[in-house]
Amino acid sequence: MKMRCATLALAALSLLAASPLAAAESKDIYAPGTRSGPFVVTPRSLGELARDGYEIRGNLGTALVLQKAASIFTCAIPPDPEHMSYRPYFVCSELREVMPGKAPAPAPTGPRLKMDEPHR
């Protein structure tokens, strides 16, 4: 009886792991081009945006809001669920509003840039 329960439990776990929900959760939500509401993850770093003249204007939850004229970015330190901590870099997203009836602007391409490591 114990063997049968263990086998059923393993079968249930394998089905859950193979479900579309589990596959969606494993996708990197911080990959460039990923959209979260009106914000699209970009390969730009916080340091790069600051060097380009963007200024921190406030915060949106745990993200910094950077602005230069009409261009707006948010930069946040993403969680690291594998280590129950945070990743050691910022992920920056650009505000790209979608107007009803229009397709969203294409996502940027290129390597993901990370904020420089602190100097020791």
Protein backbone atom coordinates (compact mmCIF):
# COMPACT_ATOMS: atom_id res chain seq x y z
CA MET A 1 0.00 0.00 0.00
CA LYS A 2 2.83 2.42 0.86
CA MET A 3 4.53 1.60 -2.43
CA ARG A 4 1.33 2.31 -4.38
CA CYS A 5 0.86 5.71 -2.63
CA ALA A 6 4.48 6.66 -3.31
CA THR A 7 4.09 5.69 -6.99
CA LEU A 8 0.89 7.73 -7.30
CA ALA A 9 2.54 10.73 -5.63
CA LEU A 10 5.51 10.57 -8.01
CA ALA A 11 3.19 10.27 -11.00
CA ALA A 12 1.20 13.31 -9.84
CA LEU A 13 4.40 15.33 -9.36
CA SER A 14 5.68 14.42 -12.82
CA LEU A 15 2.38 15.55 -14.39
CA LEU A 16 2.51 18.81 -12.45
CA ALA A 17 6.11 19.45 -13.52
CA ALA A 18 5.18 18.86 -17.17
CA SER A 19 2.12 21.11 -17.07
CA PRO A 20 2.01 24.37 -19.09
CA LEU A 21 1.87 26.33 -15.83
CA ALA A 22 5.18 24.87 -14.68
CA ALA A 23 6.69 25.58 -18.10
CA ALA A 24 5.54 29.21 -17.92
CA GLU A 25 7.03 29.61 -14.45
CA SER A 26 10.43 28.38 -15.64
CA LYS A 27 10.59 31.05 -18.38
CA ASP A 28 12.94 33.96 -17.54
CA ILE A 29 10.57 36.87 -16.94
CA TYR A 30 13.57 39.24 -16.95
CA ALA A 31 14.79 38.38 -20.47
CA PRO A 32 15.03 41.37 -22.86
CA GLY A 33 11.78 41.86 -24.74
CA THR A 34 9.62 40.45 -21.93
CA ARG A 35 6.61 42.67 -21.31
CA SER A 36 5.07 43.37 -17.91
CA GLY A 37 2.14 45.71 -18.36
CA PRO A 38 3.40 48.83 -20.19
CA PHE A 39 7.08 48.06 -19.41
CA VAL A 40 9.40 46.04 -21.69
CA VAL A 41 12.69 44.63 -20.36
CA THR A 42 15.67 46.11 -22.23
CA PRO A 43 19.36 45.16 -22.40
CA ARG A 44 20.28 48.59 -20.93
CA SER A 45 21.88 48.85 -17.48
CA LEU A 46 21.28 51.35 -14.69
CA GLY A 47 24.84 52.66 -15.08
CA GLU A 48 24.40 53.14 -18.84
CA LEU A 49 21.14 55.04 -18.34
CA ALA A 50 22.76 57.32 -15.72
CA ARG A 51 25.69 58.02 -18.07
CA ASP A 52 23.18 58.88 -20.83
CA GLY A 53 21.63 61.60 -18.67
CA TYR A 54 18.68 59.75 -17.13
CA GLU A 55 17.84 60.93 -13.61
CA ILE A 56 16.18 58.98 -10.80
CA ARG A 57 12.77 60.58 -10.30
CA GLY A 58 11.25 58.26 -7.72
CA ASN A 59 10.21 54.68 -7.29
CA LEU A 60 7.49 52.33 -8.48
CA GLY A 61 7.22 49.66 -5.80
CA THR A 62 10.78 48.39 -5.41
CA ALA A 63 11.97 49.74 -8.79
CA LEU A 64 13.74 53.04 -9.42
CA VAL A 65 12.05 55.32 -11.96
CA LEU A 66 14.49 57.03 -14.33
CA GLN A 67 13.47 59.80 -16.72
CA LYS A 68 15.05 61.87 -19.49
CA ALA A 69 12.55 64.12 -21.25
CA ALA A 70 9.60 61.88 -22.24
CA SER A 71 11.63 58.63 -22.01
CA ILE A 72 10.97 56.59 -18.84
CA PHE A 73 12.67 53.46 -17.50
CA THR A 74 12.31 51.43 -14.31
CA CYS A 75 15.27 49.53 -12.85
CA ALA A 76 14.86 46.85 -10.19
CA ILE A 77 16.99 44.16 -8.59
CA PRO A 78 15.23 40.92 -9.59
CA PRO A 79 14.60 38.15 -7.06
CA ASP A 80 16.62 34.94 -7.23
CA PRO A 81 14.18 32.18 -6.23
CA GLU A 82 16.89 29.51 -6.39
CA HIS A 83 18.79 31.07 -3.49
CA MET A 84 15.87 32.86 -1.76
CA SER A 85 17.73 36.12 -2.31
CA TYR A 86 18.23 38.72 -5.04
CA ARG A 87 20.37 38.72 -8.18
CA PRO A 88 23.44 41.00 -8.02
CA TYR A 89 22.36 43.39 -10.82
CA PHE A 90 19.55 45.65 -11.96
CA VAL A 91 17.10 44.82 -14.73
CA CYS A 92 15.82 47.90 -16.57
CA SER A 93 12.52 48.14 -18.43
CA GLU A 94 11.37 50.85 -20.81
CA LEU A 95 7.87 52.31 -20.71
CA ARG A 96 6.24 51.39 -24.03
CA GLU A 97 2.57 52.08 -23.95
CA VAL A 98 0.33 50.09 -26.26
CA MET A 99 -2.45 52.06 -27.90
CA PRO A 100 -5.70 50.19 -28.59
CA GLY A 101 -5.69 48.78 -32.11
CA LYS A 102 -1.93 49.23 -32.61
CA ALA A 103 0.79 46.59 -32.36
CA PRO A 104 3.43 47.12 -29.65
CA ALA A 105 6.85 48.41 -30.73
CA PRO A 106 9.42 45.68 -31.43
CA ALA A 107 11.63 44.65 -28.51
CA PRO A 108 15.29 45.65 -28.48
CA THR A 109 17.89 43.05 -29.34
CA GLY A 110 21.43 42.56 -28.16
CA PRO A 111 23.24 41.26 -25.09
CA ARG A 112 21.91 42.00 -21.63
CA LEU A 113 24.07 44.58 -19.88
CA LYS A 114 24.59 44.35 -16.13
CA MET A 115 25.48 47.07 -13.66
CA ASP A 116 29.18 47.12 -12.81
CA GLU A 117 30.29 45.17 -9.75
CA PRO A 118 31.06 47.38 -6.72
CA HIS A 119 34.73 48.35 -6.49
CA ARG A 120 36.64 46.81 -3.57
